[in-house]
Amino acid sequence: MKASYHKYILDFKQPSGTSRGVMTHKETWFIIIDNDHKKGIGECGILRGLSCDDRPDYEEKLAWTCANIQLGNDQLWEALIEFPSIQFGVEMAFLSLASENPFLLFPSAFTNSLKSISINGLIWMGNKAFMKQQIEVKLADGFHCLKLKIGAIDFEEELKLLSYIRQNFTPEQVEIRVDANGAFDKMEALDKLNQLSGFKLHSIEQPIQKNNTDSMSELCKMSPIPIALDEELIGVFSFEEKEQLLIKIKPQYIILKPSFVGGFRGTNEWILLAEKHNIKWWITSALESNVGLNAIAQWTYLKQNSLPQGLGTGALFTNNFDCQLEVSNGQLWFKKDKEFLFDFSQF
């Protein structure tokens, strides 16, 4: 058994804005395991500037992982504890290797095209006209849950966008989530949350920057809008630390990106603790290619979580891989009659 790693740059169809800046490209890495000419593939979905394993020794660790692939998934998972995206890539690659079809990891009613996954429509930051255009397209496409990135343009303009949605759609017709990506100053966060509350939002993700646990805990107590932790979970490795964080902050929701929290195994730990402490959760992608998104979607379906998931990112890139995933009326479907077009020989 041998393994290799390969860098791949995904190109956005249009620049995509968050409060941390505008993205035009997305770096990702593939781990390919070859065992007697049978291949398995996993994706290490790193986001530079955000992933806790965005470190100078990242590629060095990928090389070490491939050189030691014979250790197996369990031993490597422990050894890679500070590299959650590589943990996920290894976990996915071993699952892929063990499957008859390297892209069919979790057979289910979803992969048999009988059931779908409810997803949110993602609205990227930009000027008011651009965001309004995206909203209109998503609503026309049949989405009943919108997620708006906020915190980069003028706050009053963002309030007007929310007002535009609510003037046309009730909370029962369209659920609105907002994601501040830590953009609010902790001294004015509660005031902004109070202003946002008039729009009957489902939740707000990460209103203030991570590592302000005292302030975040207080916000979760005082906020008129349910708060979801996202970035706050990044870099929290041990089971004990995870539980301590949830007990201290007491969020209403947590959002789980397998590439950020140690793959399916790491995500399962967070789910176990969230359910123990009556915290709701959903799964979202970390802008992986369709290789990673396909695996995450198949696994997510098995969790039978009825909330809309954040898995509608496959169409963002010009050079993604054609796969069986398809979005229709705010639902993610797996089209079993289609083929996953991935050429192993190009890597």
Protein backbone atom coordinates (compact mmCIF):
# COMPACT_ATOMS: atom_id res chain seq x y z
CA MET A 1 0.00 0.00 0.00
CA LYS A 2 1.32 3.43 -0.94
CA ALA A 3 -0.06 6.94 -0.82
CA SER A 4 0.57 10.27 -2.53
CA TYR A 5 -0.67 13.81 -2.05
CA HIS A 6 -1.60 16.40 -4.68
CA LYS A 7 -2.40 20.10 -4.57
CA TYR A 8 -5.43 21.40 -6.49
CA ILE A 9 -6.55 25.02 -6.88
CA LEU A 10 -10.27 25.62 -7.22
CA ASP A 11 -11.28 28.79 -9.10
CA PHE A 12 -14.41 30.66 -7.99
CA LYS A 13 -16.89 31.51 -10.74
CA GLN A 14 -17.17 34.96 -9.18
CA PRO A 15 -15.31 36.54 -6.27
CA SER A 16 -16.92 35.42 -3.00
CA GLY A 17 -16.92 37.82 -0.07
CA THR A 18 -16.92 37.30 3.68
CA SER A 19 -16.05 39.67 6.51
CA ARG A 20 -12.49 38.29 6.25
CA GLY A 21 -12.09 39.36 2.63
CA VAL A 22 -12.87 38.27 -0.92
CA MET A 23 -11.86 34.87 -2.28
CA THR A 24 -11.09 34.16 -5.93
CA HIS A 25 -9.27 30.82 -5.46
CA LYS A 26 -9.44 27.96 -2.97
CA GLU A 27 -6.52 25.63 -2.28
CA THR A 28 -7.22 21.99 -1.53
CA TRP A 29 -5.18 18.77 -1.36
CA PHE A 30 -5.98 15.19 -2.29
CA ILE A 31 -4.56 12.07 -0.67
CA ILE A 32 -4.66 9.04 -2.96
CA ILE A 33 -4.05 5.56 -1.56
CA ASP A 34 -3.06 2.81 -4.00
CA ASN A 35 -3.33 -0.79 -2.85
CA ASP A 36 -2.77 -3.44 -5.53
CA HIS A 37 -3.99 -0.98 -8.18
CA LYS A 38 -7.20 -0.27 -6.25
CA LYS A 39 -7.39 3.42 -5.41
CA GLY A 40 -9.03 5.47 -2.68
CA ILE A 41 -9.20 9.26 -2.52
CA GLY A 42 -9.63 11.73 0.32
CA GLU A 43 -9.70 15.51 0.37
CA CYS A 44 -7.84 17.68 2.85
CA GLY A 45 -10.00 20.81 2.76
CA ILE A 46 -7.87 23.59 4.21
CA LEU A 47 -8.95 27.25 4.27
CA ARG A 48 -5.91 29.50 4.54
CA GLY A 49 -6.23 32.06 7.31
CA LEU A 50 -8.98 30.11 9.06
CA SER A 51 -8.11 26.42 9.45
CA CYS A 52 -6.14 25.69 12.61
CA ASP A 53 -3.76 23.57 10.53
CA ASP A 54 -2.83 26.49 8.27
CA ARG A 55 0.81 26.09 9.28
CA PRO A 56 4.19 26.30 7.49
CA ASP A 57 4.68 22.55 8.00
CA TYR A 58 1.37 21.55 6.40
CA GLU A 59 2.84 20.02 3.24
CA GLU A 60 5.57 18.39 5.30
CA LYS A 61 2.87 16.72 7.40
CA LEU A 62 1.09 15.55 4.25
CA ALA A 63 4.34 13.96 3.05
CA TRP A 64 4.85 12.28 6.44
CA THR A 65 1.27 10.98 6.36
CA CYS A 66 1.71 9.41 2.93
CA ALA A 67 5.04 7.89 3.95
CA ASN A 68 3.36 6.32 6.99
CA ILE A 69 0.03 5.34 5.43
CA GLN A 70 0.54 1.73 6.52
CA LEU A 71 -0.14 2.83 10.11
CA GLY A 72 -3.83 2.83 9.19
CA ASN A 73 -6.66 5.25 9.85
CA ASP A 74 -6.88 4.96 13.66
CA GLN A 75 -3.19 5.46 14.41
CA LEU A 76 -2.89 8.26 11.89
CA TRP A 77 -5.97 10.01 13.30
CA GLU A 78 -4.27 10.19 16.71
CA ALA A 79 -0.95 11.30 15.21
CA LEU A 80 -2.64 14.05 13.16
CA ILE A 81 -4.68 15.56 16.00
CA GLU A 82 -3.44 19.09 15.23
CA PHE A 83 -4.16 18.65 11.50
CA PRO A 84 -7.94 18.08 11.30
CA SER A 85 -8.14 18.56 7.53
CA ILE A 86 -5.52 15.83 7.00
CA GLN A 87 -7.34 13.62 9.51
CA PHE A 88 -10.40 13.99 7.32
CA GLY A 89 -8.50 13.34 4.09
CA VAL A 90 -7.02 10.13 5.49
CA GLU A 91 -10.34 8.95 6.92
CA MET A 92 -12.09 9.59 3.59
CA ALA A 93 -9.31 7.93 1.58
CA PHE A 94 -9.49 4.70 3.61
CA LEU A 95 -13.29 4.63 3.28
CA SER A 96 -12.93 5.21 -0.46
CA LEU A 97 -10.33 2.43 -0.76
CA ALA A 98 -12.62 -0.01 1.06
CA SER A 99 -15.59 0.80 -1.19
CA GLU A 100 -16.37 -0.95 -4.44
CA ASN A 101 -16.93 2.48 -5.97
CA PRO A 102 -14.34 4.99 -4.63
CA PHE A 103 -17.00 7.74 -4.61
CA LEU A 104 -19.84 5.76 -3.04
CA LEU A 105 -18.88 5.66 0.64
CA PHE A 106 -22.21 5.44 2.48
CA PRO A 107 -24.98 3.65 0.54
CA SER A 108 -28.45 4.82 1.59
CA ALA A 109 -31.80 6.02 0.32
CA PHE A 110 -29.95 9.25 -0.50
CA THR A 111 -27.42 7.54 -2.80
CA ASN A 112 -30.29 5.55 -4.33
CA SER A 113 -31.88 8.88 -5.34
CA LEU A 114 -34.93 8.19 -3.16
CA LYS A 115 -34.36 10.89 -0.52
CA SER A 116 -32.82 14.36 -0.49
CA ILE A 117 -31.11 16.64 2.03
CA SER A 118 -32.60 20.05 2.83
CA ILE A 119 -29.95 22.77 2.40
CA ASN A 120 -29.67 26.54 2.82
CA GLY A 121 -29.05 28.95 -0.04
CA LEU A 122 -25.81 30.86 0.54
CA ILE A 123 -25.74 34.63 -0.07
CA TRP A 124 -22.21 36.03 -0.34
CA MET A 125 -21.22 39.50 0.79
CA GLY A 126 -21.02 42.29 -1.74
CA ASN A 127 -22.72 45.58 -2.45
CA LYS A 128 -26.44 45.82 -1.80
CA ALA A 129 -27.42 45.30 -5.46
CA PHE A 130 -25.27 42.16 -5.75
CA MET A 131 -26.64 40.67 -2.54
CA LYS A 132 -30.23 41.51 -3.53
CA GLN A 133 -29.68 39.80 -6.88
CA GLN A 134 -28.39 36.65 -5.17
CA ILE A 135 -31.38 36.62 -2.82
CA GLU A 136 -33.82 36.86 -5.74
CA VAL A 137 -32.07 34.01 -7.58
CA LYS A 138 -32.09 31.72 -4.53
CA LEU A 139 -35.76 32.41 -3.82
CA ALA A 140 -36.63 31.77 -7.48
CA ASP A 141 -34.69 28.49 -7.22
CA GLY A 142 -37.03 27.33 -4.48
CA PHE A 143 -34.88 27.77 -1.38
CA HIS A 144 -36.82 28.10 1.88
CA CYS A 145 -33.73 28.78 4.01
CA LEU A 146 -31.25 31.55 3.19
CA LYS A 147 -27.89 32.13 4.85
CA LEU A 148 -26.55 35.67 4.46
CA LYS A 149 -22.95 36.58 5.06
CA ILE A 150 -23.01 39.90 6.94
CA GLY A 151 -20.49 42.19 8.59
CA ALA A 152 -18.55 43.59 5.62
CA ILE A 153 -20.83 46.23 4.11
CA ASP A 154 -22.58 49.02 6.01
CA PHE A 155 -24.77 47.54 8.76
CA GLU A 156 -27.71 49.77 7.80
CA GLU A 157 -27.57 48.40 4.26
CA GLU A 158 -27.61 44.86 5.65
CA LEU A 159 -30.68 45.70 7.71
CA LYS A 160 -32.38 46.98 4.54
CA LEU A 161 -31.62 43.69 2.77
CA LEU A 162 -33.21 41.73 5.61
CA SER A 163 -36.17 44.11 5.54
CA TYR A 164 -36.56 43.48 1.79
CA ILE A 165 -36.82 39.72 2.41
CA ARG A 166 -39.26 40.10 5.28
CA GLN A 167 -41.47 42.52 3.34
CA ASN A 168 -41.99 39.75 0.80
CA PHE A 169 -41.71 36.53 2.83
CA THR A 170 -42.82 35.55 6.32
CA PRO A 171 -40.55 33.51 8.64
CA GLU A 172 -42.74 30.50 7.81
CA GLN A 173 -42.06 30.97 4.10
CA VAL A 174 -38.33 31.74 4.28
CA GLU A 175 -36.00 30.99 7.18
CA ILE A 176 -33.09 33.44 7.45
CA ARG A 177 -29.74 32.61 8.97
CA VAL A 178 -26.98 35.19 9.13
CA ASP A 179 -23.25 34.61 9.50
CA ALA A 180 -21.10 37.42 10.86
CA ASN A 181 -17.84 35.41 10.76
CA GLY A 182 -16.80 37.19 13.97
CA ALA A 183 -17.23 40.68 12.47
CA PHE A 184 -19.03 42.43 15.36
CA ASP A 185 -17.10 44.31 18.02
CA LYS A 186 -17.90 42.66 21.33
CA MET A 187 -18.86 46.00 22.89
CA GLU A 188 -21.58 46.67 20.31
CA ALA A 189 -22.59 43.09 19.44
CA LEU A 190 -25.65 42.97 21.71
CA ASP A 191 -26.99 46.24 20.29
CA LYS A 192 -26.64 44.87 16.74
CA LEU A 193 -28.31 41.60 17.74
CA ASN A 194 -31.22 43.60 19.16
CA GLN A 195 -31.56 45.48 15.86
CA LEU A 196 -31.45 42.22 13.91
CA SER A 197 -34.07 40.58 16.10
CA GLY A 198 -36.92 42.45 14.39
CA PHE A 199 -36.45 40.29 11.30
CA LYS A 200 -37.24 37.03 13.09
CA LEU A 201 -33.97 35.33 12.19
CA HIS A 202 -33.37 31.63 12.75
CA SER A 203 -29.86 32.21 14.14
CA ILE A 204 -26.63 34.15 13.84
CA GLU A 205 -23.28 32.44 13.41
CA GLN A 206 -20.25 33.63 15.32
CA PRO A 207 -21.24 37.26 16.01
CA ILE A 208 -17.86 38.04 17.64
CA GLN A 209 -14.39 36.65 17.11
CA LYS A 210 -13.47 33.31 18.65
CA ASN A 211 -11.50 33.03 21.91
CA ASN A 212 -13.69 35.60 23.66
CA THR A 213 -15.48 32.91 25.63
CA ASP A 214 -16.63 35.16 28.49
CA SER A 215 -18.21 37.63 26.06
CA MET A 216 -19.67 34.87 23.89
CA SER A 217 -21.17 33.17 26.93
CA GLU A 218 -22.80 36.44 27.98
CA LEU A 219 -24.12 37.03 24.47
CA CYS A 220 -25.68 33.55 24.37
CA LYS A 221 -27.53 34.41 27.60
CA MET A 222 -28.68 37.88 26.50
CA SER A 223 -29.17 37.61 22.73
CA PRO A 224 -32.73 37.78 21.36
CA ILE A 225 -31.47 35.66 18.43
CA PRO A 226 -30.16 32.09 18.87
CA ILE A 227 -26.37 31.97 18.48
CA ALA A 228 -24.48 29.31 16.54
CA LEU A 229 -20.79 28.64 17.13
CA ASP A 230 -18.64 28.00 14.07
CA GLU A 231 -15.07 29.34 14.19
CA GLU A 232 -15.19 28.90 17.98
CA LEU A 233 -14.87 25.12 17.50
CA ILE A 234 -11.70 25.33 15.42
CA GLY A 235 -8.56 24.14 17.20
CA VAL A 236 -10.39 22.51 20.11
CA PHE A 237 -8.96 19.01 19.99
CA SER A 238 -9.66 16.93 23.08
CA PHE A 239 -13.05 15.55 24.08
CA GLU A 240 -12.70 17.24 27.49
CA GLU A 241 -11.91 20.66 25.97
CA LYS A 242 -14.89 20.36 23.65
CA GLU A 243 -17.24 19.67 26.52
CA GLN A 244 -15.79 22.47 28.67
CA LEU A 245 -16.32 24.95 25.81
CA LEU A 246 -19.97 23.96 25.34
CA ILE A 247 -20.66 24.04 29.07
CA LYS A 248 -19.12 27.50 29.41
CA ILE A 249 -20.69 29.21 26.39
CA LYS A 250 -24.00 27.31 26.22
CA PRO A 251 -24.76 28.14 22.56
CA GLN A 252 -28.10 27.33 21.01
CA TYR A 253 -26.42 25.72 17.96
CA ILE A 254 -23.05 24.50 16.75
CA ILE A 255 -22.05 24.25 13.09
CA LEU A 256 -19.77 21.41 12.12
CA LYS A 257 -17.33 21.37 9.22
CA PRO A 258 -15.64 17.93 9.09
CA SER A 259 -12.53 19.43 7.46
CA PHE A 260 -12.13 21.76 10.45
CA VAL A 261 -12.93 19.40 13.31
CA GLY A 262 -11.20 16.11 12.48
CA GLY A 263 -13.40 14.41 9.93
CA PHE A 264 -16.41 12.26 10.67
CA ARG A 265 -14.86 10.96 13.88
CA GLY A 266 -14.21 14.47 15.23
CA THR A 267 -17.64 15.65 14.09
CA ASN A 268 -19.29 12.73 15.87
CA GLU A 269 -17.60 13.77 19.12
CA TRP A 270 -19.09 17.25 18.85
CA ILE A 271 -22.54 15.81 18.01
CA LEU A 272 -22.42 13.48 21.03
CA LEU A 273 -21.60 16.38 23.35
CA ALA A 274 -24.08 18.78 21.75
CA GLU A 275 -26.93 16.32 22.18
CA LYS A 276 -25.85 15.60 25.75
CA HIS A 277 -26.15 19.33 26.53
CA ASN A 278 -29.32 19.99 24.48
CA ILE A 279 -27.54 21.99 21.80
CA LYS A 280 -28.75 21.67 18.21
CA TRP A 281 -26.33 21.31 15.30
CA TRP A 282 -25.99 21.10 11.55
CA ILE A 283 -23.27 20.16 9.08
CA THR A 284 -21.71 22.44 6.50
CA SER A 285 -18.96 22.21 3.93
CA ALA A 286 -15.67 24.11 4.13
CA LEU A 287 -15.67 24.87 0.40
CA GLU A 288 -14.24 21.48 -0.54
CA SER A 289 -14.30 20.27 -4.11
CA ASN A 290 -17.02 17.80 -5.04
CA VAL A 291 -14.73 14.99 -3.86
CA GLY A 292 -15.05 16.11 -0.25
CA LEU A 293 -18.58 17.51 -0.58
CA ASN A 294 -19.83 14.19 -1.96
CA ALA A 295 -18.44 12.28 1.03
CA ILE A 296 -19.81 14.82 3.54
CA ALA A 297 -23.28 14.79 1.95
CA GLN A 298 -23.50 10.99 1.97
CA TRP A 299 -22.45 10.86 5.63
CA THR A 300 -24.72 13.76 6.64
CA TYR A 301 -27.79 12.01 5.26
CA LEU A 302 -27.17 9.10 7.65
CA LYS A 303 -27.34 11.49 10.63
CA GLN A 304 -31.03 12.21 9.85
CA ASN A 305 -30.86 15.83 10.99
CA SER A 306 -33.99 17.66 9.81
CA LEU A 307 -32.44 21.17 9.84
CA PRO A 308 -31.27 22.59 6.48
CA GLN A 309 -27.59 21.75 6.06
CA GLY A 310 -24.85 23.90 4.53
CA LEU A 311 -24.00 21.68 1.57
CA GLY A 312 -24.87 23.75 -1.48
CA THR A 313 -21.34 24.85 -2.41
CA GLY A 314 -20.53 22.46 -5.26
CA ALA A 315 -21.45 24.91 -8.02
CA LEU A 316 -19.15 27.71 -6.81
CA PHE A 317 -16.12 26.72 -8.88
CA THR A 318 -15.31 26.71 -12.59
CA ASN A 319 -13.01 23.67 -12.36
CA ASN A 320 -14.85 21.40 -9.94
CA PHE A 321 -15.36 17.72 -10.77
CA ASP A 322 -18.70 16.66 -12.24
CA CYS A 323 -20.45 14.39 -9.78
CA GLN A 324 -23.85 12.96 -8.86
CA LEU A 325 -24.82 15.82 -6.52
CA GLU A 326 -27.52 18.13 -7.81
CA VAL A 327 -29.44 20.99 -6.16
CA SER A 328 -33.16 21.37 -6.87
CA ASN A 329 -35.76 23.44 -4.97
CA GLY A 330 -33.53 23.90 -1.95
CA GLN A 331 -32.80 20.17 -1.75
CA LEU A 332 -29.55 18.31 -2.42
CA TRP A 333 -30.06 15.15 -4.47
CA PHE A 334 -27.72 12.32 -5.43
CA LYS A 335 -28.34 11.27 -9.03
CA LYS A 336 -27.27 7.63 -9.08
CA ASP A 337 -27.53 7.39 -12.87
CA LYS A 338 -24.83 10.03 -13.31
CA GLU A 339 -21.12 9.32 -13.03
CA PHE A 340 -18.44 10.93 -10.86
CA LEU A 341 -15.98 12.29 -13.42
CA PHE A 342 -12.59 12.11 -11.77
CA ASP A 343 -9.49 11.03 -13.62
CA PHE A 344 -7.01 9.46 -11.20
CA SER A 345 -4.35 9.46 -13.91
CA GLN A 346 -4.14 13.26 -13.83
CA PHE A 347 -2.72 13.12 -10.30
